[in-house]
Protein backbone atom coordinates (compact mmCIF):
# COMPACT_ATOMS: atom_id res chain seq x y z
CA MET A 1 0.00 0.00 0.00
CA ILE A 2 2.80 2.39 0.88
CA ARG A 3 4.68 1.71 -2.36
CA LEU A 4 1.53 2.19 -4.43
CA SER A 5 0.67 5.51 -2.80
CA GLU A 6 4.27 6.72 -3.23
CA LEU A 7 4.16 5.79 -6.92
CA PHE A 8 0.99 7.80 -7.43
CA ILE A 9 2.29 10.77 -5.45
CA LEU A 10 5.61 10.92 -7.31
CA SER A 11 4.33 10.34 -10.82
CA LEU A 12 1.12 12.37 -10.69
CA ALA A 13 1.96 15.15 -8.25
CA GLU A 14 0.99 18.02 -10.55
CA THR A 15 -1.82 16.30 -12.44
CA VAL A 16 -4.35 15.00 -9.91
CA THR A 17 -5.47 15.40 -6.33
CA LYS A 18 -4.64 12.35 -4.24
CA ARG A 19 -6.80 11.36 -1.28
CA ILE A 20 -5.62 8.71 1.12
CA LYS A 21 -8.35 7.07 3.25
CA ASN A 22 -10.87 9.88 2.72
CA PRO A 23 -14.48 9.51 1.59
CA VAL A 24 -15.64 9.81 -2.01
CA ARG A 25 -19.24 9.75 -3.23
CA LEU A 26 -19.91 7.09 -5.88
CA ASN A 27 -23.62 7.89 -6.34
CA ASN A 28 -26.54 9.34 -4.35
CA ASN A 29 -26.68 6.27 -2.11
CA SER A 30 -23.06 5.24 -1.81
CA GLU A 31 -20.05 6.81 -0.17
CA THR A 32 -16.86 4.82 0.34
CA VAL A 33 -13.51 5.38 2.01
CA PRO A 34 -10.93 3.86 -0.34
CA ASN A 35 -7.27 3.45 0.45
CA ILE A 36 -6.39 5.78 -2.45
CA ALA A 37 -8.49 7.96 -4.73
CA LEU A 38 -7.10 9.96 -7.65
CA LEU A 39 -9.31 12.93 -8.40
CA GLN A 40 -9.70 15.81 -10.76
CA LYS A 41 -7.46 18.62 -9.51
CA LEU A 42 -10.02 20.79 -7.67
CA PRO A 43 -8.66 20.80 -4.11
CA SER A 44 -10.66 23.82 -2.90
CA LEU A 45 -13.91 22.06 -3.90
CA TYR A 46 -13.07 19.07 -1.69
CA TRP A 47 -12.94 21.26 1.42
CA THR A 48 -16.68 21.93 1.13
CA GLN A 49 -18.01 18.66 -0.35
CA GLN A 50 -17.03 15.07 -1.03
CA PRO A 51 -15.68 14.30 -4.50
CA GLN A 52 -18.49 13.30 -6.87
CA PRO A 53 -18.36 10.55 -9.52
CA GLU A 54 -17.44 13.03 -12.25
CA ASN A 55 -14.35 14.08 -10.21
CA ILE A 56 -12.98 10.55 -9.73
CA PHE A 57 -10.35 9.03 -12.03
CA ILE A 58 -9.58 5.89 -10.04
CA VAL A 59 -10.38 4.38 -6.65
CA VAL A 60 -8.03 1.81 -5.09
CA GLU A 61 -9.08 -0.47 -2.24
CA VAL A 62 -6.52 -2.98 -1.01
CA SER A 63 -8.00 -5.99 0.72
CA ASP A 64 -6.44 -9.26 1.64
CA THR A 65 -7.60 -10.51 5.03
CA THR A 66 -11.00 -8.74 5.01
CA ILE A 67 -12.12 -9.41 1.43
CA LYS A 68 -15.05 -11.67 2.39
CA TYR A 69 -16.37 -9.05 4.82
CA ASP A 70 -15.78 -6.21 2.33
CA MET A 71 -17.65 -8.03 -0.44
CA THR A 72 -20.69 -9.01 1.64
CA GLU A 73 -21.45 -7.32 4.95
CA LYS A 74 -19.68 -4.03 4.43
């Protein structure tokens, strides 16, 4: 997880806004807290509202020991 976030930070520093373990809104009924989200570069917007689907480039969730829980109950 650390290596992946460092890769994103170093290679995309000027291009996107990176959020680490912060909520993003996927639709009107779903908000998730991914490990990493790469967003459209609008940092001042994200102080007043959660990123919306149109602002999201990629969402990364790393799961190994909790995958069954994440896929069903969560």
